[in-house]
Amino acid sequence: MTAGERRSTLFLELSALAAEQAKVDCLVVPFFSDERPLRESAGRADWRLCGRLSQLLAAGRLAGRRGEAVLVASSGGVAAALVLGLGLGPRTEFDAESIGALGREAVRRAAGLRVASIALALPDSDRAAGGLAERVERLLLGASEGLAGRGDARPSELRLHILVRPEELTRAQEFLRTSRPTRLSATVSLRSVEALERRDPRGGRVVAVADPRAADSVK
């Protein structure tokens, strides 16, 4: 990084919120080409969207291929105004490297949408994807690469809200306190922040964020 060059900043939050409760500009839900019905955060979002993602899959407009994306306006079905589905290909091919690629793609798409905050559920743990610390680190490294390579020379800020399982939250927070990734892009600063919270009447944390946008497209 040259003298006087400003860094972009990735603000990081961790929580055990359900995907539909994350109050951000855009909720990112990864899904696989060989899992039907949809599972994890994609399944929860699909249910809240009255099966919108499943309808697109049934119509052949989505398949879950790697690099595939769909953007849906939530219309109040989830706390985020936008839901961005990202295809990951077959689950059998999903490995540790794929988690970094997911982080890069999520941030790259967020830059294209010009949103200020996104929420992304950490994919389920399995032998191929590695342990919790490795998954968090790879996701953050990928996200920082996506922010650094967004194609805009101006510095920017993005809040990345990582959703983990309740039983993983303490360990994930401890990892960030003691072993923060050291291979981040030289043009990106990583900062952990405390969420602004209020209590949802149904329970759980709700994070206050800026007003989001709306759209509906498949790519």
C-alpha atoms as a PDB file:
ATOM      1  CA  MET A   1       0.000   0.000   0.000  1.00  0.00           C
ATOM      2  CA  THR A   2       1.478   3.335  -1.058  1.00  0.00           C
ATOM      3  CA  ALA A   3       1.873   6.305   1.240  1.00  0.00           C
ATOM      4  CA  GLY A   4      -1.346   8.233   1.625  1.00  0.00           C
ATOM      5  CA  GLU A   5      -3.510   5.411   0.238  1.00  0.00           C
ATOM      6  CA  ARG A   6      -6.598   4.862   2.340  1.00  0.00           C
ATOM      7  CA  ARG A   7      -7.825   1.451   3.373  1.00  0.00           C
ATOM      8  CA  SER A   8     -11.273   0.062   2.939  1.00  0.00           C
ATOM      9  CA  THR A   9     -12.782  -1.227   6.171  1.00  0.00           C
ATOM     10  CA  LEU A  10     -14.607  -4.487   6.819  1.00  0.00           C
ATOM     11  CA  PHE A  11     -16.649  -4.145   9.997  1.00  0.00           C
ATOM     12  CA  LEU A  12     -17.335  -7.564  11.468  1.00  0.00           C
ATOM     13  CA  GLU A  13     -20.186  -8.677  13.699  1.00  0.00           C
ATOM     14  CA  LEU A  14     -20.890 -12.173  14.995  1.00  0.00           C
ATOM     15  CA  SER A  15     -24.219 -13.402  16.303  1.00  0.00           C
ATOM     16  CA  ALA A  16     -26.395 -16.477  16.647  1.00  0.00           C
ATOM     17  CA  LEU A  17     -29.441 -14.818  15.092  1.00  0.00           C
ATOM     18  CA  ALA A  18     -31.650 -16.838  12.780  1.00  0.00           C
ATOM     19  CA  ALA A  19     -31.151 -15.721   9.187  1.00  0.00           C
ATOM     20  CA  GLU A  20     -34.590 -14.139   8.914  1.00  0.00           C
ATOM     21  CA  GLN A  21     -33.902 -11.935  11.972  1.00  0.00           C
ATOM     22  CA  ALA A  22     -30.702 -10.305  10.674  1.00  0.00           C
ATOM     23  CA  LYS A  23     -31.633  -6.680  10.107  1.00  0.00           C
ATOM     24  CA  VAL A  24     -29.173  -5.724   7.386  1.00  0.00           C
ATOM     25  CA  ASP A  25     -29.400  -4.329   3.879  1.00  0.00           C
ATOM     26  CA  CYS A  26     -28.990  -7.737   2.266  1.00  0.00           C
ATOM     27  CA  LEU A  27     -29.228 -11.300   3.571  1.00  0.00           C
ATOM     28  CA  VAL A  28     -26.944 -13.673   1.634  1.00  0.00           C
ATOM     29  CA  VAL A  29     -28.102 -17.302   1.568  1.00  0.00           C
ATOM     30  CA  PRO A  30     -25.879 -19.928  -0.089  1.00  0.00           C
ATOM     31  CA  PHE A  31     -27.512 -23.051  -1.504  1.00  0.00           C
ATOM     32  CA  PHE A  32     -26.356 -26.241  -3.208  1.00  0.00           C
ATOM     33  CA  SER A  33     -27.327 -27.790  -6.531  1.00  0.00           C
ATOM     34  CA  ASP A  34     -27.895 -31.241  -5.021  1.00  0.00           C
ATOM     35  CA  GLU A  35     -29.950 -30.363  -1.922  1.00  0.00           C
ATOM     36  CA  ARG A  36     -33.713 -30.229  -2.217  1.00  0.00           C
ATOM     37  CA  PRO A  37     -35.590 -28.963  -0.365  1.00  0.00           C
ATOM     38  CA  LEU A  38     -33.376 -26.012   0.470  1.00  0.00           C
ATOM     39  CA  ARG A  39     -31.660 -26.235   3.850  1.00  0.00           C
ATOM     40  CA  GLU A  40     -29.986 -24.015   6.445  1.00  0.00           C
ATOM     41  CA  SER A  41     -30.296 -20.241   5.900  1.00  0.00           C
ATOM     42  CA  ALA A  42     -31.619 -20.686   2.351  1.00  0.00           C
ATOM     43  CA  GLY A  43     -34.396 -22.940   3.616  1.00  0.00           C
ATOM     44  CA  ARG A  44     -35.356 -20.520   6.381  1.00  0.00           C
ATOM     45  CA  ALA A  45     -35.393 -17.561   3.986  1.00  0.00           C
ATOM     46  CA  ASP A  46     -37.373 -19.523   1.398  1.00  0.00           C
ATOM     47  CA  TRP A  47     -40.033 -20.368   3.968  1.00  0.00           C
ATOM     48  CA  ARG A  48     -40.330 -16.713   5.005  1.00  0.00           C
ATOM     49  CA  LEU A  49     -40.536 -15.713   1.340  1.00  0.00           C
ATOM     50  CA  CYS A  50     -43.488 -18.074   0.811  1.00  0.00           C
ATOM     51  CA  GLY A  51     -41.389 -20.458  -1.283  1.00  0.00           C
ATOM     52  CA  ARG A  52     -40.110 -17.841  -3.752  1.00  0.00           C
ATOM     53  CA  LEU A  53     -36.707 -19.535  -4.134  1.00  0.00           C
ATOM     54  CA  SER A  54     -38.288 -22.972  -4.458  1.00  0.00           C
ATOM     55  CA  GLN A  55     -40.597 -21.625  -7.168  1.00  0.00           C
ATOM     56  CA  LEU A  56     -37.616 -20.359  -9.158  1.00  0.00           C
ATOM     57  CA  LEU A  57     -35.924 -23.736  -8.775  1.00  0.00           C
ATOM     58  CA  ALA A  58     -39.052 -25.595  -9.865  1.00  0.00           C
ATOM     59  CA  ALA A  59     -39.402 -23.332 -12.907  1.00  0.00           C
ATOM     60  CA  GLY A  60     -35.821 -24.051 -13.973  1.00  0.00           C
ATOM     61  CA  ARG A  61     -34.693 -20.457 -13.481  1.00  0.00           C
ATOM     62  CA  LEU A  62     -32.312 -21.567 -10.717  1.00  0.00           C
ATOM     63  CA  ALA A  63     -30.242 -24.695 -10.285  1.00  0.00           C
ATOM     64  CA  GLY A  64     -27.718 -23.886  -7.558  1.00  0.00           C
ATOM     65  CA  ARG A  65     -24.738 -23.985  -9.902  1.00  0.00           C
ATOM     66  CA  ARG A  66     -21.532 -22.369  -8.717  1.00  0.00           C
ATOM     67  CA  GLY A  67     -21.524 -18.686  -9.631  1.00  0.00           C
ATOM     68  CA  GLU A  68     -25.305 -18.523 -10.005  1.00  0.00           C
ATOM     69  CA  ALA A  69     -27.144 -15.765  -8.123  1.00  0.00           C
ATOM     70  CA  VAL A  70     -30.692 -14.632  -7.495  1.00  0.00           C
ATOM     71  CA  LEU A  71     -31.795 -11.363  -5.900  1.00  0.00           C
ATOM     72  CA  VAL A  72     -35.242 -11.210  -4.329  1.00  0.00           C
ATOM     73  CA  ALA A  73     -37.026  -8.350  -2.589  1.00  0.00           C
ATOM     74  CA  SER A  74     -38.188  -9.730   0.747  1.00  0.00           C
ATOM     75  CA  SER A  75     -41.362  -7.609   1.004  1.00  0.00           C
ATOM     76  CA  GLY A  76     -41.140  -7.933   4.774  1.00  0.00           C
ATOM     77  CA  GLY A  77     -40.798 -11.701   4.861  1.00  0.00           C
ATOM     78  CA  VAL A  78     -37.391 -11.382   6.514  1.00  0.00           C
ATOM     79  CA  ALA A  79     -35.789  -8.496   8.387  1.00  0.00           C
ATOM     80  CA  ALA A  80     -33.478  -7.666   5.451  1.00  0.00           C
ATOM     81  CA  ALA A  81     -35.114  -5.958   2.466  1.00  0.00           C
ATOM     82  CA  LEU A  82     -33.010  -7.977  -0.006  1.00  0.00           C
ATOM     83  CA  VAL A  83     -32.270 -11.685  -0.122  1.00  0.00           C
ATOM     84  CA  LEU A  84     -29.351 -12.744  -2.310  1.00  0.00           C
ATOM     85  CA  GLY A  85     -29.099 -16.454  -3.054  1.00  0.00           C
ATOM     86  CA  LEU A  86     -25.689 -17.735  -4.181  1.00  0.00           C
ATOM     87  CA  GLY A  87     -25.271 -21.117  -5.849  1.00  0.00           C
ATOM     88  CA  LEU A  88     -22.416 -23.256  -4.519  1.00  0.00           C
ATOM     89  CA  GLY A  89     -22.590 -26.257  -6.836  1.00  0.00           C
ATOM     90  CA  PRO A  90     -22.791 -29.784  -5.359  1.00  0.00           C
ATOM     91  CA  ARG A  91     -22.352 -30.098  -1.607  1.00  0.00           C
ATOM     92  CA  THR A  92     -20.050 -33.047  -2.252  1.00  0.00           C
ATOM     93  CA  GLU A  93     -17.576 -30.609  -3.872  1.00  0.00           C
ATOM     94  CA  PHE A  94     -17.861 -27.947  -1.168  1.00  0.00           C
ATOM     95  CA  ASP A  95     -14.552 -27.672   0.674  1.00  0.00           C
ATOM     96  CA  ALA A  96     -12.489 -25.219   2.697  1.00  0.00           C
ATOM     97  CA  GLU A  97     -11.447 -23.268  -0.414  1.00  0.00           C
ATOM     98  CA  SER A  98     -15.112 -22.897  -1.333  1.00  0.00           C
ATOM     99  CA  ILE A  99     -15.791 -20.971   1.883  1.00  0.00           C
ATOM    100  CA  GLY A 100     -13.263 -18.312   0.870  1.00  0.00           C
ATOM    101  CA  ALA A 101     -14.842 -18.152  -2.568  1.00  0.00           C
ATOM    102  CA  LEU A 102     -18.248 -17.674  -0.931  1.00  0.00           C
ATOM    103  CA  GLY A 103     -16.945 -14.721   1.086  1.00  0.00           C
ATOM    104  CA  ARG A 104     -15.419 -13.129  -2.024  1.00  0.00           C
ATOM    105  CA  GLU A 105     -18.568 -13.570  -4.090  1.00  0.00           C
ATOM    106  CA  ALA A 106     -20.868 -12.265  -1.352  1.00  0.00           C
ATOM    107  CA  VAL A 107     -18.836  -9.082  -0.943  1.00  0.00           C
ATOM    108  CA  ARG A 108     -18.373  -8.634  -4.693  1.00  0.00           C
ATOM    109  CA  ARG A 109     -22.136  -8.843  -5.191  1.00  0.00           C
ATOM    110  CA  ALA A 110     -22.725  -6.488  -2.259  1.00  0.00           C
ATOM    111  CA  ALA A 111     -20.425  -3.926  -3.879  1.00  0.00           C
ATOM    112  CA  GLY A 112     -22.413  -4.197  -7.092  1.00  0.00           C
ATOM    113  CA  LEU A 113     -25.641  -3.595  -5.176  1.00  0.00           C
ATOM    114  CA  ARG A 114     -24.054  -0.708  -3.245  1.00  0.00           C
ATOM    115  CA  VAL A 115     -25.381  -1.975   0.071  1.00  0.00           C
ATOM    116  CA  ALA A 116     -23.737  -1.027   3.350  1.00  0.00           C
ATOM    117  CA  SER A 117     -24.317  -4.241   5.281  1.00  0.00           C
ATOM    118  CA  ILE A 118     -24.813  -7.927   4.593  1.00  0.00           C
ATOM    119  CA  ALA A 119     -25.498 -10.986   6.725  1.00  0.00           C
ATOM    120  CA  LEU A 120     -24.092 -14.376   5.802  1.00  0.00           C
ATOM    121  CA  ALA A 121     -24.608 -17.639   7.669  1.00  0.00           C
ATOM    122  CA  LEU A 122     -21.445 -19.646   8.160  1.00  0.00           C
ATOM    123  CA  PRO A 123     -21.988 -22.916   6.254  1.00  0.00           C
ATOM    124  CA  ASP A 124     -22.458 -26.085   8.263  1.00  0.00           C
ATOM    125  CA  SER A 125     -19.310 -27.830   9.431  1.00  0.00           C
ATOM    126  CA  ASP A 126     -18.216 -31.036   7.772  1.00  0.00           C
ATOM    127  CA  ARG A 127     -14.926 -32.834   7.233  1.00  0.00           C
ATOM    128  CA  ALA A 128     -14.271 -31.165   3.884  1.00  0.00           C
ATOM    129  CA  ALA A 129     -14.961 -27.628   5.093  1.00  0.00           C
ATOM    130  CA  GLY A 130     -12.760 -27.798   8.191  1.00  0.00           C
ATOM    131  CA  GLY A 131     -13.348 -26.751  11.803  1.00  0.00           C
ATOM    132  CA  LEU A 132     -14.989 -23.597  13.079  1.00  0.00           C
ATOM    133  CA  ALA A 133     -11.811 -21.485  13.311  1.00  0.00           C
ATOM    134  CA  GLU A 134     -10.747 -22.429   9.798  1.00  0.00           C
ATOM    135  CA  ARG A 135     -14.183 -21.704   8.365  1.00  0.00           C
ATOM    136  CA  VAL A 136     -14.368 -18.263  10.030  1.00  0.00           C
ATOM    137  CA  GLU A 137     -10.839 -17.385   8.902  1.00  0.00           C
ATOM    138  CA  ARG A 138     -11.392 -18.474   5.309  1.00  0.00           C
ATOM    139  CA  LEU A 139     -14.684 -16.594   5.111  1.00  0.00           C
ATOM    140  CA  LEU A 140     -13.030 -13.409   6.384  1.00  0.00           C
ATOM    141  CA  LEU A 141     -10.046 -13.746   4.036  1.00  0.00           C
ATOM    142  CA  GLY A 142     -12.378 -14.230   1.094  1.00  0.00           C
ATOM    143  CA  ALA A 143     -14.516 -11.262   2.146  1.00  0.00           C
ATOM    144  CA  SER A 144     -11.465  -9.006   2.454  1.00  0.00           C
ATOM    145  CA  GLU A 145     -10.287 -10.065  -1.006  1.00  0.00           C
ATOM    146  CA  GLY A 146     -13.736  -9.300  -2.389  1.00  0.00           C
ATOM    147  CA  LEU A 147     -13.704  -5.829  -0.822  1.00  0.00           C
ATOM    148  CA  ALA A 148     -10.172  -5.125  -2.047  1.00  0.00           C
ATOM    149  CA  GLY A 149     -10.936  -6.231  -5.613  1.00  0.00           C
ATOM    150  CA  ARG A 150     -14.335  -4.632  -6.046  1.00  0.00           C
ATOM    151  CA  GLY A 151     -13.161  -2.586  -9.073  1.00  0.00           C
ATOM    152  CA  ASP A 152     -13.525   0.821  -7.435  1.00  0.00           C
ATOM    153  CA  ALA A 153     -10.341   2.656  -6.486  1.00  0.00           C
ATOM    154  CA  ARG A 154     -12.099   4.580  -3.741  1.00  0.00           C
ATOM    155  CA  PRO A 155     -11.980   3.193  -0.197  1.00  0.00           C
ATOM    156  CA  SER A 156     -15.259   1.797   1.075  1.00  0.00           C
ATOM    157  CA  GLU A 157     -16.847   0.329   4.165  1.00  0.00           C
ATOM    158  CA  LEU A 158     -18.937  -2.810   4.522  1.00  0.00           C
ATOM    159  CA  ARG A 159     -20.453  -4.388   7.580  1.00  0.00           C
ATOM    160  CA  LEU A 160     -20.324  -8.166   7.441  1.00  0.00           C
ATOM    161  CA  HIS A 161     -22.652  -9.848   9.912  1.00  0.00           C
ATOM    162  CA  ILE A 162     -21.628 -13.510  10.254  1.00  0.00           C
ATOM    163  CA  LEU A 163     -24.357 -15.784  11.589  1.00  0.00           C
ATOM    164  CA  VAL A 164     -23.223 -18.869  13.490  1.00  0.00           C
ATOM    165  CA  ARG A 165     -25.013 -21.570  15.432  1.00  0.00           C
ATOM    166  CA  PRO A 166     -25.686 -20.692  19.104  1.00  0.00           C
ATOM    167  CA  GLU A 167     -23.284 -23.381  20.267  1.00  0.00           C
ATOM    168  CA  GLU A 168     -20.542 -21.925  18.027  1.00  0.00           C
ATOM    169  CA  LEU A 169     -20.852 -18.283  19.032  1.00  0.00           C
ATOM    170  CA  THR A 170     -18.542 -18.259  22.064  1.00  0.00           C
ATOM    171  CA  ARG A 171     -15.813 -20.190  20.252  1.00  0.00           C
ATOM    172  CA  ALA A 172     -16.058 -17.963  17.172  1.00  0.00           C
ATOM    173  CA  GLN A 173     -15.796 -14.826  19.298  1.00  0.00           C
ATOM    174  CA  GLU A 174     -12.803 -16.255  21.155  1.00  0.00           C
ATOM    175  CA  PHE A 175     -11.073 -17.061  17.880  1.00  0.00           C
ATOM    176  CA  LEU A 176     -11.460 -13.480  16.692  1.00  0.00           C
ATOM    177  CA  ARG A 177     -10.138 -12.140  19.999  1.00  0.00           C
ATOM    178  CA  THR A 178      -7.063 -14.345  20.039  1.00  0.00           C
ATOM    179  CA  SER A 179      -6.254 -15.380  16.471  1.00  0.00           C
ATOM    180  CA  ARG A 180      -7.448 -12.749  14.054  1.00  0.00           C
ATOM    181  CA  PRO A 181      -6.451 -13.513  10.445  1.00  0.00           C
ATOM    182  CA  THR A 182      -3.068 -12.046   9.531  1.00  0.00           C
ATOM    183  CA  ARG A 183      -3.243 -12.582   5.757  1.00  0.00           C
ATOM    184  CA  LEU A 184      -5.863  -9.935   5.044  1.00  0.00           C
ATOM    185  CA  SER A 185      -5.469  -7.785   1.950  1.00  0.00           C
ATOM    186  CA  ALA A 186      -3.109  -4.870   2.601  1.00  0.00           C
ATOM    187  CA  THR A 187      -5.820  -2.444   1.486  1.00  0.00           C
ATOM    188  CA  VAL A 188      -8.493  -3.733   3.895  1.00  0.00           C
ATOM    189  CA  SER A 189      -8.756  -3.176   7.648  1.00  0.00           C
ATOM    190  CA  LEU A 190     -10.780  -5.619   9.747  1.00  0.00           C
ATOM    191  CA  ARG A 191     -12.625  -4.255  12.764  1.00  0.00           C
ATOM    192  CA  SER A 192     -14.863  -6.097  15.190  1.00  0.00           C
ATOM    193  CA  VAL A 193     -17.759  -3.963  16.361  1.00  0.00           C
ATOM    194  CA  GLU A 194     -20.448  -4.183  18.987  1.00  0.00           C
ATOM    195  CA  ALA A 195     -23.933  -4.429  17.515  1.00  0.00           C
ATOM    196  CA  LEU A 196     -26.604  -1.884  18.372  1.00  0.00           C
ATOM    197  CA  GLU A 197     -29.297  -4.081  19.868  1.00  0.00           C
ATOM    198  CA  ARG A 198     -32.912  -4.045  20.830  1.00  0.00           C
ATOM    199  CA  ARG A 199     -35.113  -6.932  21.865  1.00  0.00           C
ATOM    200  CA  ASP A 200     -37.467  -8.517  19.399  1.00  0.00           C
ATOM    201  CA  PRO A 201     -40.806  -9.397  21.078  1.00  0.00           C
ATOM    202  CA  ARG A 202     -40.303 -12.953  19.817  1.00  0.00           C
ATOM    203  CA  GLY A 203     -36.862 -13.160  21.433  1.00  0.00           C
ATOM    204  CA  GLY A 204     -33.317 -12.876  20.136  1.00  0.00           C
ATOM    205  CA  ARG A 205     -31.133  -9.971  19.047  1.00  0.00           C
ATOM    206  CA  VAL A 206     -32.098  -7.517  16.342  1.00  0.00           C
ATOM    207  CA  VAL A 207     -29.434  -5.218  14.898  1.00  0.00           C
ATOM    208  CA  ALA A 208     -30.299  -1.683  13.774  1.00  0.00           C
ATOM    209  CA  VAL A 209     -28.928  -0.750  10.309  1.00  0.00           C
ATOM    210  CA  ALA A 210     -29.401   1.749   7.510  1.00  0.00           C
ATOM    211  CA  ASP A 211     -32.377   1.702   5.177  1.00  0.00           C
ATOM    212  CA  PRO A 212     -31.946  -0.945   2.428  1.00  0.00           C
ATOM    213  CA  ARG A 213     -32.918  -1.108  -1.230  1.00  0.00           C
ATOM    214  CA  ALA A 214     -35.106  -3.466  -3.224  1.00  0.00           C
ATOM    215  CA  ALA A 215     -34.880  -5.518  -6.427  1.00  0.00           C
ATOM    216  CA  ASP A 216     -35.825  -8.860  -7.963  1.00  0.00           C
ATOM    217  CA  SER A 217     -33.588 -10.571 -10.536  1.00  0.00           C
ATOM    218  CA  VAL A 218     -31.821 -13.811 -11.417  1.00  0.00           C
ATOM    219  CA  LYS A 219     -28.325 -14.070 -12.921  1.00  0.00           C
END
